[in-house]
């Protein structure tokens, strides 16, 4: 909180320059890699069962380009919800079991990001 850094300035910059910093590709990569392991349904206006990689990528691109929106991805076999919003630098994952936690930790590392379980 009182570290004297420029967190909010850096966050604002990154949120407005996803492509320049490679964040768009990293976020898409995490979602698509997770979809390789578990069946998924995506809520984007309506529910889309088993979306194609192109559909997921287009949804993320639309959100980032318009600076608005959230997408919910339900991994139906695990009852796990992944939520991504354009206005934050994280992906939220609700109700992951230990297996999924280990998988997401590996996927995050493969994209140059990190996994942190909330407290």
PDB file of N, CA and C in Angstrom:
ATOM      1  N   UNK A   1       0.821  -1.199   0.000  1.00  0.00           N
ATOM      2  CA  UNK A   1       0.000   0.000   0.000  1.00  0.00           C
ATOM      3  C   UNK A   1       0.864   1.262   0.000  1.00  0.00           C
ATOM      4  N   UNK A   2       1.858   1.333   0.852  1.00  0.00           N
ATOM      5  CA  UNK A   2       2.669   2.549   0.968  1.00  0.00           C
ATOM      6  C   UNK A   2       4.074   2.352   0.419  1.00  0.00           C
ATOM      7  N   UNK A   3       4.224   1.549  -0.622  1.00  0.00           N
ATOM      8  CA  UNK A   3       5.561   1.236  -1.124  1.00  0.00           C
ATOM      9  C   UNK A   3       6.143   2.339  -2.009  1.00  0.00           C
ATOM     10  N   UNK A   4       5.362   3.310  -2.405  1.00  0.00           N
ATOM     11  CA  UNK A   4       5.882   4.420  -3.195  1.00  0.00           C
ATOM     12  C   UNK A   4       5.996   4.120  -4.691  1.00  0.00           C
ATOM     13  N   UNK A   5       5.536   2.948  -5.115  1.00  0.00           N
ATOM     14  CA  UNK A   5       5.594   2.601  -6.535  1.00  0.00           C
ATOM     15  C   UNK A   5       4.494   3.275  -7.328  1.00  0.00           C
ATOM     16  N   UNK A   6       4.371   2.885  -8.563  1.00  0.00           N
ATOM     17  CA  UNK A   6       3.395   3.487  -9.470  1.00  0.00           C
ATOM     18  C   UNK A   6       2.395   2.449  -9.966  1.00  0.00           C
ATOM     19  N   UNK A   7       1.863   1.660  -9.054  1.00  0.00           N
ATOM     20  CA  UNK A   7       0.985   0.555  -9.433  1.00  0.00           C
ATOM     21  C   UNK A   7      -0.157   1.006 -10.334  1.00  0.00           C
ATOM     22  N   UNK A   8      -0.891   2.023  -9.939  1.00  0.00           N
ATOM     23  CA  UNK A   8      -2.080   2.414 -10.694  1.00  0.00           C
ATOM     24  C   UNK A   8      -1.730   2.965 -12.076  1.00  0.00           C
ATOM     25  N   UNK A   9      -0.629   3.682 -12.184  1.00  0.00           N
ATOM     26  CA  UNK A   9      -0.201   4.171 -13.490  1.00  0.00           C
ATOM     27  C   UNK A   9       0.192   3.011 -14.403  1.00  0.00           C
ATOM     28  N   UNK A  10       0.909   2.037 -13.851  1.00  0.00           N
ATOM     29  CA  UNK A  10       1.318   0.869 -14.636  1.00  0.00           C
ATOM     30  C   UNK A  10       0.091   0.044 -15.027  1.00  0.00           C
ATOM     31  N   UNK A  11      -0.827  -0.162 -14.080  1.00  0.00           N
ATOM     32  CA  UNK A  11      -2.039  -0.916 -14.378  1.00  0.00           C
ATOM     33  C   UNK A  11      -2.832  -0.253 -15.501  1.00  0.00           C
ATOM     34  N   UNK A  12      -3.022   1.045 -15.425  1.00  0.00           N
ATOM     35  CA  UNK A  12      -3.760   1.773 -16.459  1.00  0.00           C
ATOM     36  C   UNK A  12      -3.082   1.632 -17.812  1.00  0.00           C
ATOM     37  N   UNK A  13      -1.759   1.746 -17.822  1.00  0.00           N
ATOM     38  CA  UNK A  13      -1.019   1.588 -19.079  1.00  0.00           C
ATOM     39  C   UNK A  13      -1.244   0.202 -19.668  1.00  0.00           C
ATOM     40  N   UNK A  14      -1.081  -0.833 -18.852  1.00  0.00           N
ATOM     41  CA  UNK A  14      -1.229  -2.203 -19.335  1.00  0.00           C
ATOM     42  C   UNK A  14      -2.648  -2.484 -19.821  1.00  0.00           C
ATOM     43  N   UNK A  15      -3.649  -1.964 -19.097  1.00  0.00           N
ATOM     44  CA  UNK A  15      -5.037  -2.175 -19.503  1.00  0.00           C
ATOM     45  C   UNK A  15      -5.354  -1.506 -20.840  1.00  0.00           C
ATOM     46  N   UNK A  16      -4.603  -0.476 -21.191  1.00  0.00           N
ATOM     47  CA  UNK A  16      -4.836   0.231 -22.444  1.00  0.00           C
ATOM     48  C   UNK A  16      -3.884  -0.182 -23.562  1.00  0.00           C
ATOM     49  N   UNK A  17      -2.972  -1.102 -23.270  1.00  0.00           N
ATOM     50  CA  UNK A  17      -1.988  -1.544 -24.260  1.00  0.00           C
ATOM     51  C   UNK A  17      -1.797  -3.058 -24.209  1.00  0.00           C
ATOM     52  N   UNK A  18      -2.888  -3.801 -24.183  1.00  0.00           N
ATOM     53  CA  UNK A  18      -2.821  -5.257 -24.105  1.00  0.00           C
ATOM     54  C   UNK A  18      -1.939  -5.841 -25.206  1.00  0.00           C
ATOM     55  N   UNK A  19      -2.144  -5.397 -26.442  1.00  0.00           N
ATOM     56  CA  UNK A  19      -1.409  -5.978 -27.566  1.00  0.00           C
ATOM     57  C   UNK A  19       0.079  -5.680 -27.495  1.00  0.00           C
ATOM     58  N   UNK A  20       0.428  -4.465 -27.107  1.00  0.00           N
ATOM     59  CA  UNK A  20       1.844  -4.100 -27.066  1.00  0.00           C
ATOM     60  C   UNK A  20       2.602  -4.900 -26.017  1.00  0.00           C
ATOM     61  N   UNK A  21       1.940  -5.260 -24.963  1.00  0.00           N
ATOM     62  CA  UNK A  21       2.590  -5.968 -23.865  1.00  0.00           C
ATOM     63  C   UNK A  21       2.400  -7.474 -23.937  1.00  0.00           C
ATOM     64  N   UNK A  22       1.639  -7.948 -24.886  1.00  0.00           N
ATOM     65  CA  UNK A  22       1.424  -9.377 -25.054  1.00  0.00           C
ATOM     66  C   UNK A  22       0.405  -9.974 -24.098  1.00  0.00           C
ATOM     67  N   UNK A  23      -0.298  -9.157 -23.332  1.00  0.00           N
ATOM     68  CA  UNK A  23      -1.259  -9.689 -22.362  1.00  0.00           C
ATOM     69  C   UNK A  23      -2.436 -10.368 -23.038  1.00  0.00           C
ATOM     70  N   UNK A  24      -2.881  -9.835 -24.133  1.00  0.00           N
ATOM     71  CA  UNK A  24      -4.012 -10.440 -24.844  1.00  0.00           C
ATOM     72  C   UNK A  24      -3.703 -11.886 -25.193  1.00  0.00           C
ATOM     73  N   UNK A  25      -2.534 -12.125 -25.760  1.00  0.00           N
ATOM     74  CA  UNK A  25      -2.157 -13.482 -26.151  1.00  0.00           C
ATOM     75  C   UNK A  25      -2.014 -14.391 -24.934  1.00  0.00           C
ATOM     76  N   UNK A  26      -1.535 -13.864 -23.850  1.00  0.00           N
ATOM     77  CA  UNK A  26      -1.375 -14.667 -22.640  1.00  0.00           C
ATOM     78  C   UNK A  26      -2.728 -15.065 -22.053  1.00  0.00           C
ATOM     79  N   UNK A  27      -3.658 -14.124 -21.995  1.00  0.00           N
ATOM     80  CA  UNK A  27      -4.992 -14.431 -21.470  1.00  0.00           C
ATOM     81  C   UNK A  27      -5.707 -15.439 -22.371  1.00  0.00           C
ATOM     82  N   UNK A  28      -5.649 -15.233 -23.672  1.00  0.00           N
ATOM     83  CA  UNK A  28      -6.265 -16.176 -24.605  1.00  0.00           C
ATOM     84  C   UNK A  28      -5.602 -17.542 -24.455  1.00  0.00           C
ATOM     85  N   UNK A  29      -4.285 -17.558 -24.318  1.00  0.00           N
ATOM     86  CA  UNK A  29      -3.561 -18.814 -24.162  1.00  0.00           C
ATOM     87  C   UNK A  29      -3.995 -19.603 -22.945  1.00  0.00           C
ATOM     88  N   UNK A  30      -4.185 -18.931 -21.835  1.00  0.00           N
ATOM     89  CA  UNK A  30      -4.635 -19.606 -20.619  1.00  0.00           C
ATOM     90  C   UNK A  30      -5.998 -20.260 -20.839  1.00  0.00           C
ATOM     91  N   UNK A  31      -6.919 -19.512 -21.402  1.00  0.00           N
ATOM     92  CA  UNK A  31      -8.276 -20.028 -21.596  1.00  0.00           C
ATOM     93  C   UNK A  31      -8.280 -21.198 -22.573  1.00  0.00           C
ATOM     94  N   UNK A  32      -7.593 -21.039 -23.691  1.00  0.00           N
ATOM     95  CA  UNK A  32      -7.587 -22.115 -24.690  1.00  0.00           C
ATOM     96  C   UNK A  32      -6.889 -23.369 -24.171  1.00  0.00           C
ATOM     97  N   UNK A  33      -5.804 -23.207 -23.434  1.00  0.00           N
ATOM     98  CA  UNK A  33      -5.109 -24.367 -22.881  1.00  0.00           C
ATOM     99  C   UNK A  33      -5.994 -25.103 -21.884  1.00  0.00           C
ATOM    100  N   UNK A  34      -6.724 -24.375 -21.061  1.00  0.00           N
ATOM    101  CA  UNK A  34      -7.633 -25.024 -20.101  1.00  0.00           C
ATOM    102  C   UNK A  34      -8.739 -25.781 -20.837  1.00  0.00           C
ATOM    103  N   UNK A  35      -9.190 -25.224 -21.966  1.00  0.00           N
ATOM    104  CA  UNK A  35     -10.228 -25.881 -22.751  1.00  0.00           C
ATOM    105  C   UNK A  35      -9.747 -27.200 -23.360  1.00  0.00           C
ATOM    106  N   UNK A  36      -8.441 -27.394 -23.454  1.00  0.00           N
ATOM    107  CA  UNK A  36      -7.902 -28.669 -23.951  1.00  0.00           C
ATOM    108  C   UNK A  36      -8.163 -29.802 -22.967  1.00  0.00           C
ATOM    109  N   UNK A  37      -8.305 -29.473 -21.692  1.00  0.00           N
ATOM    110  CA  UNK A  37      -8.438 -30.479 -20.644  1.00  0.00           C
ATOM    111  C   UNK A  37      -9.878 -30.751 -20.214  1.00  0.00           C
ATOM    112  N   UNK A  38     -10.734 -29.736 -20.306  1.00  0.00           N
ATOM    113  CA  UNK A  38     -12.086 -29.863 -19.768  1.00  0.00           C
ATOM    114  C   UNK A  38     -13.102 -29.280 -20.739  1.00  0.00           C
ATOM    115  N   UNK A  39     -14.274 -29.907 -20.867  1.00  0.00           N
ATOM    116  CA  UNK A  39     -15.333 -29.313 -21.688  1.00  0.00           C
ATOM    117  C   UNK A  39     -15.759 -27.974 -21.093  1.00  0.00           C
ATOM    118  N   UNK A  40     -16.071 -27.040 -21.975  1.00  0.00           N
ATOM    119  CA  UNK A  40     -16.391 -25.695 -21.516  1.00  0.00           C
ATOM    120  C   UNK A  40     -17.632 -25.147 -22.203  1.00  0.00           C
ATOM    121  N   UNK A  41     -18.312 -24.278 -21.472  1.00  0.00           N
ATOM    122  CA  UNK A  41     -19.402 -23.470 -22.021  1.00  0.00           C
ATOM    123  C   UNK A  41     -19.073 -22.020 -21.715  1.00  0.00           C
ATOM    124  N   UNK A  42     -19.334 -21.143 -22.668  1.00  0.00           N
ATOM    125  CA  UNK A  42     -18.997 -19.729 -22.522  1.00  0.00           C
ATOM    126  C   UNK A  42     -20.269 -18.906 -22.489  1.00  0.00           C
ATOM    127  N   UNK A  43     -20.343 -18.003 -21.520  1.00  0.00           N
ATOM    128  CA  UNK A  43     -21.475 -17.073 -21.454  1.00  0.00           C
ATOM    129  C   UNK A  43     -21.041 -15.744 -22.045  1.00  0.00           C
ATOM    130  N   UNK A  44     -21.584 -15.447 -23.198  1.00  0.00           N
ATOM    131  CA  UNK A  44     -21.324 -14.178 -23.879  1.00  0.00           C
ATOM    132  C   UNK A  44     -22.642 -13.765 -24.518  1.00  0.00           C
ATOM    133  N   UNK A  45     -23.461 -13.106 -23.725  1.00  0.00           N
ATOM    134  CA  UNK A  45     -24.826 -12.812 -24.146  1.00  0.00           C
ATOM    135  C   UNK A  45     -25.717 -14.019 -23.918  1.00  0.00           C
ATOM    136  N   UNK A  46     -25.344 -15.121 -24.491  1.00  0.00           N
ATOM    137  CA  UNK A  46     -26.024 -16.397 -24.279  1.00  0.00           C
ATOM    138  C   UNK A  46     -24.941 -17.440 -24.009  1.00  0.00           C
ATOM    139  N   UNK A  47     -25.352 -18.620 -23.620  1.00  0.00           N
ATOM    140  CA  UNK A  47     -24.394 -19.689 -23.369  1.00  0.00           C
ATOM    141  C   UNK A  47     -24.033 -20.373 -24.685  1.00  0.00           C
ATOM    142  N   UNK A  48     -22.747 -20.555 -24.908  1.00  0.00           N
ATOM    143  CA  UNK A  48     -22.230 -21.260 -26.077  1.00  0.00           C
ATOM    144  C   UNK A  48     -21.538 -22.517 -25.564  1.00  0.00           C
ATOM    145  N   UNK A  49     -22.074 -23.679 -25.927  1.00  0.00           N
ATOM    146  CA  UNK A  49     -21.462 -24.930 -25.488  1.00  0.00           C
ATOM    147  C   UNK A  49     -20.344 -25.322 -26.449  1.00  0.00           C
ATOM    148  N   UNK A  50     -19.245 -25.773 -25.875  1.00  0.00           N
ATOM    149  CA  UNK A  50     -18.080 -26.205 -26.643  1.00  0.00           C
ATOM    150  C   UNK A  50     -17.696 -25.153 -27.700  1.00  0.00           C
ATOM    151  N   UNK A  51     -17.377 -23.932 -27.285  1.00  0.00           N
ATOM    152  CA  UNK A  51     -17.007 -22.890 -28.245  1.00  0.00           C
ATOM    153  C   UNK A  51     -15.707 -23.253 -28.969  1.00  0.00           C
ATOM    154  N   UNK A  52     -15.572 -22.757 -30.166  1.00  0.00           N
ATOM    155  CA  UNK A  52     -14.331 -22.971 -30.909  1.00  0.00           C
ATOM    156  C   UNK A  52     -13.262 -22.008 -30.395  1.00  0.00           C
ATOM    157  N   UNK A  53     -12.006 -22.319 -30.633  1.00  0.00           N
ATOM    158  CA  UNK A  53     -10.946 -21.377 -30.256  1.00  0.00           C
ATOM    159  C   UNK A  53     -11.145 -20.003 -30.909  1.00  0.00           C
ATOM    160  N   UNK A  54     -11.636 -19.999 -32.141  1.00  0.00           N
ATOM    161  CA  UNK A  54     -11.883 -18.728 -32.827  1.00  0.00           C
ATOM    162  C   UNK A  54     -12.961 -17.915 -32.118  1.00  0.00           C
ATOM    163  N   UNK A  55     -14.015 -18.578 -31.633  1.00  0.00           N
ATOM    164  CA  UNK A  55     -15.075 -17.865 -30.920  1.00  0.00           C
ATOM    165  C   UNK A  55     -14.531 -17.244 -29.634  1.00  0.00           C
ATOM    166  N   UNK A  56     -13.759 -18.005 -28.894  1.00  0.00           N
ATOM    167  CA  UNK A  56     -13.199 -17.495 -27.634  1.00  0.00           C
ATOM    168  C   UNK A  56     -12.271 -16.313 -27.914  1.00  0.00           C
ATOM    169  N   UNK A  57     -11.423 -16.451 -28.904  1.00  0.00           N
ATOM    170  CA  UNK A  57     -10.488 -15.374 -29.247  1.00  0.00           C
ATOM    171  C   UNK A  57     -11.240 -14.122 -29.682  1.00  0.00           C
ATOM    172  N   UNK A  58     -12.288 -14.291 -30.467  1.00  0.00           N
ATOM    173  CA  UNK A  58     -13.079 -13.133 -30.918  1.00  0.00           C
ATOM    174  C   UNK A  58     -13.758 -12.439 -29.731  1.00  0.00           C
ATOM    175  N   UNK A  59     -14.249 -13.204 -28.768  1.00  0.00           N
ATOM    176  CA  UNK A  59     -14.875 -12.616 -27.583  1.00  0.00           C
ATOM    177  C   UNK A  59     -13.862 -11.778 -26.808  1.00  0.00           C
ATOM    178  N   UNK A  60     -12.687 -12.338 -26.579  1.00  0.00           N
ATOM    179  CA  UNK A  60     -11.645 -11.607 -25.842  1.00  0.00           C
ATOM    180  C   UNK A  60     -11.242 -10.357 -26.611  1.00  0.00           C
ATOM    181  N   UNK A  61     -11.052 -10.475 -27.916  1.00  0.00           N
ATOM    182  CA  UNK A  61     -10.692  -9.312 -28.736  1.00  0.00           C
ATOM    183  C   UNK A  61     -11.764  -8.231 -28.662  1.00  0.00           C
ATOM    184  N   UNK A  62     -13.029  -8.626 -28.741  1.00  0.00           N
ATOM    185  CA  UNK A  62     -14.137  -7.666 -28.671  1.00  0.00           C
ATOM    186  C   UNK A  62     -14.107  -6.922 -27.340  1.00  0.00           C
ATOM    187  N   UNK A  63     -13.905  -7.651 -26.251  1.00  0.00           N
ATOM    188  CA  UNK A  63     -13.861  -7.020 -24.928  1.00  0.00           C
ATOM    189  C   UNK A  63     -12.716  -6.020 -24.828  1.00  0.00           C
ATOM    190  N   UNK A  64     -11.540  -6.430 -25.266  1.00  0.00           N
ATOM    191  CA  UNK A  64     -10.368  -5.568 -25.130  1.00  0.00           C
ATOM    192  C   UNK A  64     -10.455  -4.350 -26.038  1.00  0.00           C
ATOM    193  N   UNK A  65     -10.967  -4.537 -27.246  1.00  0.00           N
ATOM    194  CA  UNK A  65     -11.085  -3.416 -28.175  1.00  0.00           C
ATOM    195  C   UNK A  65     -12.133  -2.403 -27.730  1.00  0.00           C
ATOM    196  N   UNK A  66     -13.222  -2.878 -27.127  1.00  0.00           N
ATOM    197  CA  UNK A  66     -14.295  -1.976 -26.711  1.00  0.00           C
ATOM    198  C   UNK A  66     -14.120  -1.483 -25.274  1.00  0.00           C
ATOM    199  N   UNK A  67     -13.115  -2.011 -24.585  1.00  0.00           N
ATOM    200  CA  UNK A  67     -12.877  -1.654 -23.177  1.00  0.00           C
ATOM    201  C   UNK A  67     -14.128  -1.862 -22.332  1.00  0.00           C
ATOM    202  N   UNK A  68     -14.799  -2.993 -22.570  1.00  0.00           N
ATOM    203  CA  UNK A  68     -15.967  -3.306 -21.753  1.00  0.00           C
ATOM    204  C   UNK A  68     -16.274  -4.793 -21.829  1.00  0.00           C
ATOM    205  N   UNK A  69     -16.949  -5.261 -20.807  1.00  0.00           N
ATOM    206  CA  UNK A  69     -17.459  -6.621 -20.816  1.00  0.00           C
ATOM    207  C   UNK A  69     -16.717  -7.583 -19.918  1.00  0.00           C
ATOM    208  N   UNK A  70     -17.416  -8.648 -19.640  1.00  0.00           N
ATOM    209  CA  UNK A  70     -16.895  -9.782 -18.884  1.00  0.00           C
ATOM    210  C   UNK A  70     -17.329 -11.033 -19.617  1.00  0.00           C
ATOM    211  N   UNK A  71     -16.533 -12.076 -19.482  1.00  0.00           N
ATOM    212  CA  UNK A  71     -16.918 -13.363 -20.045  1.00  0.00           C
ATOM    213  C   UNK A  71     -16.794 -14.408 -18.946  1.00  0.00           C
ATOM    214  N   UNK A  72     -17.770 -15.289 -18.893  1.00  0.00           N
ATOM    215  CA  UNK A  72     -17.763 -16.402 -17.951  1.00  0.00           C
ATOM    216  C   UNK A  72     -17.567 -17.683 -18.731  1.00  0.00           C
ATOM    217  N   UNK A  73     -16.661 -18.517 -18.249  1.00  0.00           N
ATOM    218  CA  UNK A  73     -16.407 -19.806 -18.870  1.00  0.00           C
ATOM    219  C   UNK A  73     -16.597 -20.870 -17.802  1.00  0.00           C
ATOM    220  N   UNK A  74     -17.556 -21.741 -18.038  1.00  0.00           N
ATOM    221  CA  UNK A  74     -17.871 -22.804 -17.092  1.00  0.00           C
ATOM    222  C   UNK A  74     -17.269 -24.103 -17.600  1.00  0.00           C
ATOM    223  N   UNK A  75     -16.394 -24.694 -16.781  1.00  0.00           N
ATOM    224  CA  UNK A  75     -15.846 -26.010 -17.081  1.00  0.00           C
ATOM    225  C   UNK A  75     -16.822 -27.004 -16.473  1.00  0.00           C
ATOM    226  N   UNK A  76     -17.684 -27.505 -17.334  1.00  0.00           N
ATOM    227  CA  UNK A  76     -18.877 -28.215 -16.890  1.00  0.00           C
ATOM    228  C   UNK A  76     -18.594 -29.516 -16.156  1.00  0.00           C
ATOM    229  N   UNK A  77     -17.547 -30.225 -16.507  1.00  0.00           N
ATOM    230  CA  UNK A  77     -17.269 -31.503 -15.847  1.00  0.00           C
ATOM    231  C   UNK A  77     -16.705 -31.312 -14.441  1.00  0.00           C
ATOM    232  N   UNK A  78     -16.254 -30.095 -14.143  1.00  0.00           N
ATOM    233  CA  UNK A  78     -15.649 -29.814 -12.840  1.00  0.00           C
ATOM    234  C   UNK A  78     -16.455 -28.823 -12.002  1.00  0.00           C
ATOM    235  N   UNK A  79     -17.492 -28.229 -12.569  1.00  0.00           N
ATOM    236  CA  UNK A  79     -18.271 -27.205 -11.882  1.00  0.00           C
ATOM    237  C   UNK A  79     -17.367 -26.050 -11.432  1.00  0.00           C
ATOM    238  N   UNK A  80     -16.521 -25.602 -12.362  1.00  0.00           N
ATOM    239  CA  UNK A  80     -15.553 -24.534 -12.101  1.00  0.00           C
ATOM    240  C   UNK A  80     -15.853 -23.384 -13.050  1.00  0.00           C
ATOM    241  N   UNK A  81     -15.832 -22.176 -12.509  1.00  0.00           N
ATOM    242  CA  UNK A  81     -16.106 -20.981 -13.303  1.00  0.00           C
ATOM    243  C   UNK A  81     -14.838 -20.150 -13.434  1.00  0.00           C
ATOM    244  N   UNK A  82     -14.505 -19.796 -14.669  1.00  0.00           N
ATOM    245  CA  UNK A  82     -13.419 -18.868 -14.954  1.00  0.00           C
ATOM    246  C   UNK A  82     -14.073 -17.571 -15.395  1.00  0.00           C
ATOM    247  N   UNK A  83     -13.636 -16.470 -14.812  1.00  0.00           N
ATOM    248  CA  UNK A  83     -14.203 -15.173 -15.178  1.00  0.00           C
ATOM    249  C   UNK A  83     -13.076 -14.242 -15.599  1.00  0.00           C
ATOM    250  N   UNK A  84     -13.260 -13.619 -16.757  1.00  0.00           N
ATOM    251  CA  UNK A  84     -12.292 -12.657 -17.261  1.00  0.00           C
ATOM    252  C   UNK A  84     -13.014 -11.378 -17.595  1.00  0.00           C
ATOM    253  N   UNK A  85     -12.502 -10.267 -17.080  1.00  0.00           N
ATOM    254  CA  UNK A  85     -13.051  -8.945 -17.379  1.00  0.00           C
ATOM    255  C   UNK A  85     -11.969  -8.081 -17.985  1.00  0.00           C
ATOM    256  N   UNK A  86     -12.348  -7.214 -18.859  1.00  0.00           N
ATOM    257  CA  UNK A  86     -11.383  -6.384 -19.574  1.00  0.00           C
ATOM    258  C   UNK A  86     -10.646  -5.416 -18.650  1.00  0.00           C
ATOM    259  N   UNK A  87     -11.235  -5.096 -17.493  1.00  0.00           N
ATOM    260  CA  UNK A  87     -10.724  -4.001 -16.669  1.00  0.00           C
ATOM    261  C   UNK A  87      -9.835  -4.436 -15.510  1.00  0.00           C
ATOM    262  N   UNK A  88      -9.269  -5.640 -15.577  1.00  0.00           N
ATOM    263  CA  UNK A  88      -8.350  -6.056 -14.519  1.00  0.00           C
ATOM    264  C   UNK A  88      -7.264  -6.945 -15.114  1.00  0.00           C
ATOM    265  N   UNK A  89      -6.198  -7.076 -14.392  1.00  0.00           N
ATOM    266  CA  UNK A  89      -5.048  -7.821 -14.887  1.00  0.00           C
ATOM    267  C   UNK A  89      -5.001  -9.238 -14.350  1.00  0.00           C
ATOM    268  N   UNK A  90      -6.148  -9.783 -14.050  1.00  0.00           N
ATOM    269  CA  UNK A  90      -6.179 -11.155 -13.555  1.00  0.00           C
ATOM    270  C   UNK A  90      -7.398 -11.885 -14.101  1.00  0.00           C
ATOM    271  N   UNK A  91      -7.306 -13.200 -14.010  1.00  0.00           N
ATOM    272  CA  UNK A  91      -8.417 -14.082 -14.334  1.00  0.00           C
ATOM    273  C   UNK A  91      -8.842 -14.718 -13.021  1.00  0.00           C
ATOM    274  N   UNK A  92     -10.125 -14.708 -12.741  1.00  0.00           N
ATOM    275  CA  UNK A  92     -10.632 -15.328 -11.513  1.00  0.00           C
ATOM    276  C   UNK A  92     -11.157 -16.723 -11.830  1.00  0.00           C
ATOM    277  N   UNK A  93     -10.823 -17.667 -10.956  1.00  0.00           N
ATOM    278  CA  UNK A  93     -11.282 -19.035 -11.120  1.00  0.00           C
ATOM    279  C   UNK A  93     -11.939 -19.458  -9.815  1.00  0.00           C
ATOM    280  N   UNK A  94     -13.204 -19.845  -9.909  1.00  0.00           N
ATOM    281  CA  UNK A  94     -13.987 -20.183  -8.731  1.00  0.00           C
ATOM    282  C   UNK A  94     -14.219 -21.693  -8.649  1.00  0.00           C
ATOM    283  N   UNK A  95     -13.995 -22.242  -7.481  1.00  0.00           N
ATOM    284  CA  UNK A  95     -14.268 -23.623  -7.133  1.00  0.00           C
ATOM    285  C   UNK A  95     -13.321 -24.653  -7.762  1.00  0.00           C
ATOM    286  N   UNK A  96     -12.047 -24.309  -7.997  1.00  0.00           N
ATOM    287  CA  UNK A  96     -11.154 -25.320  -8.568  1.00  0.00           C
ATOM    288  C   UNK A  96     -10.757 -26.348  -7.514  1.00  0.00           C
ATOM    289  N   UNK A  97     -10.707 -27.619  -7.915  1.00  0.00           N
ATOM    290  CA  UNK A  97     -10.195 -28.630  -6.999  1.00  0.00           C
ATOM    291  C   UNK A  97      -8.664 -28.614  -7.083  1.00  0.00           C
ATOM    292  N   UNK A  98      -8.039 -29.459  -6.322  1.00  0.00           N
ATOM    293  CA  UNK A  98      -6.571 -29.471  -6.262  1.00  0.00           C
ATOM    294  C   UNK A  98      -5.954 -29.770  -7.626  1.00  0.00           C
ATOM    295  N   UNK A  99      -6.563 -30.687  -8.367  1.00  0.00           N
ATOM    296  CA  UNK A  99      -6.068 -31.024  -9.706  1.00  0.00           C
ATOM    297  C   UNK A  99      -6.069 -29.801 -10.619  1.00  0.00           C
ATOM    298  N   UNK A 100      -7.168 -29.054 -10.594  1.00  0.00           N
ATOM    299  CA  UNK A 100      -7.254 -27.864 -11.447  1.00  0.00           C
ATOM    300  C   UNK A 100      -6.309 -26.773 -10.980  1.00  0.00           C
ATOM    301  N   UNK A 101      -6.127 -26.637  -9.680  1.00  0.00           N
ATOM    302  CA  UNK A 101      -5.171 -25.647  -9.169  1.00  0.00           C
ATOM    303  C   UNK A 101      -3.773 -25.930  -9.711  1.00  0.00           C
ATOM    304  N   UNK A 102      -3.375 -27.198  -9.670  1.00  0.00           N
ATOM    305  CA  UNK A 102      -2.047 -27.565 -10.184  1.00  0.00           C
ATOM    306  C   UNK A 102      -1.954 -27.321 -11.685  1.00  0.00           C
ATOM    307  N   UNK A 103      -3.024 -27.642 -12.411  1.00  0.00           N
ATOM    308  CA  UNK A 103      -3.032 -27.413 -13.850  1.00  0.00           C
ATOM    309  C   UNK A 103      -2.939 -25.918 -14.169  1.00  0.00           C
ATOM    310  N   UNK A 104      -3.768 -25.105 -13.517  1.00  0.00           N
ATOM    311  CA  UNK A 104      -3.743 -23.665 -13.795  1.00  0.00           C
ATOM    312  C   UNK A 104      -2.411 -23.033 -13.393  1.00  0.00           C
ATOM    313  N   UNK A 105      -1.786 -23.549 -12.361  1.00  0.00           N
ATOM    314  CA  UNK A 105      -0.470 -23.038 -11.986  1.00  0.00           C
ATOM    315  C   UNK A 105       0.536 -23.296 -13.113  1.00  0.00           C
ATOM    316  N   UNK A 106       0.482 -24.485 -13.716  1.00  0.00           N
ATOM    317  CA  UNK A 106       1.376 -24.821 -14.828  1.00  0.00           C
ATOM    318  C   UNK A 106       1.036 -24.008 -16.081  1.00  0.00           C
ATOM    319  N   UNK A 107      -0.254 -23.863 -16.351  1.00  0.00           N
ATOM    320  CA  UNK A 107      -0.664 -23.088 -17.525  1.00  0.00           C
ATOM    321  C   UNK A 107      -0.238 -21.627 -17.359  1.00  0.00           C
ATOM    322  N   UNK A 108      -0.460 -21.055 -16.186  1.00  0.00           N
ATOM    323  CA  UNK A 108      -0.060 -19.666 -15.947  1.00  0.00           C
ATOM    324  C   UNK A 108       1.446 -19.503 -16.159  1.00  0.00           C
ATOM    325  N   UNK A 109       2.238 -20.423 -15.614  1.00  0.00           N
ATOM    326  CA  UNK A 109       3.695 -20.352 -15.774  1.00  0.00           C
ATOM    327  C   UNK A 109       4.086 -20.460 -17.252  1.00  0.00           C
ATOM    328  N   UNK A 110       3.370 -21.293 -18.013  1.00  0.00           N
ATOM    329  CA  UNK A 110       3.686 -21.450 -19.438  1.00  0.00           C
ATOM    330  C   UNK A 110       3.431 -20.161 -20.214  1.00  0.00           C
ATOM    331  N   UNK A 111       2.584 -19.295 -19.673  1.00  0.00           N
ATOM    332  CA  UNK A 111       2.274 -18.011 -20.307  1.00  0.00           C
ATOM    333  C   UNK A 111       3.058 -16.858 -19.678  1.00  0.00           C
ATOM    334  N   UNK A 112       4.010 -17.179 -18.799  1.00  0.00           N
ATOM    335  CA  UNK A 112       4.812 -16.141 -18.160  1.00  0.00           C
ATOM    336  C   UNK A 112       4.074 -15.384 -17.074  1.00  0.00           C
ATOM    337  N   UNK A 113       3.027 -15.992 -16.522  1.00  0.00           N
ATOM    338  CA  UNK A 113       2.231 -15.378 -15.470  1.00  0.00           C
ATOM    339  C   UNK A 113       2.328 -16.239 -14.224  1.00  0.00           C
ATOM    340  N   UNK A 114       1.603 -15.894 -13.194  1.00  0.00           N
ATOM    341  CA  UNK A 114       1.662 -16.690 -11.975  1.00  0.00           C
ATOM    342  C   UNK A 114       0.267 -17.012 -11.470  1.00  0.00           C
ATOM    343  N   UNK A 115       0.197 -18.022 -10.632  1.00  0.00           N
ATOM    344  CA  UNK A 115      -1.046 -18.487 -10.021  1.00  0.00           C
ATOM    345  C   UNK A 115      -0.992 -18.113  -8.557  1.00  0.00           C
ATOM    346  N   UNK A 116      -2.059 -17.532  -8.080  1.00  0.00           N
ATOM    347  CA  UNK A 116      -2.146 -17.223  -6.653  1.00  0.00           C
ATOM    348  C   UNK A 116      -3.542 -17.575  -6.175  1.00  0.00           C
ATOM    349  N   UNK A 117      -3.590 -18.411  -5.159  1.00  0.00           N
ATOM    350  CA  UNK A 117      -4.878 -18.757  -4.565  1.00  0.00           C
ATOM    351  C   UNK A 117      -5.265 -17.642  -3.602  1.00  0.00           C
ATOM    352  N   UNK A 118      -6.498 -17.169  -3.716  1.00  0.00           N
ATOM    353  CA  UNK A 118      -6.943 -16.092  -2.833  1.00  0.00           C
ATOM    354  C   UNK A 118      -7.154 -16.619  -1.424  1.00  0.00           C
ATOM    355  N   UNK A 119      -7.118 -15.713  -0.510  1.00  0.00           N
ATOM    356  CA  UNK A 119      -7.254 -16.097   0.902  1.00  0.00           C
ATOM    357  C   UNK A 119      -8.590 -15.686   1.458  1.00  0.00           C
TER     358      UNK A 119
END
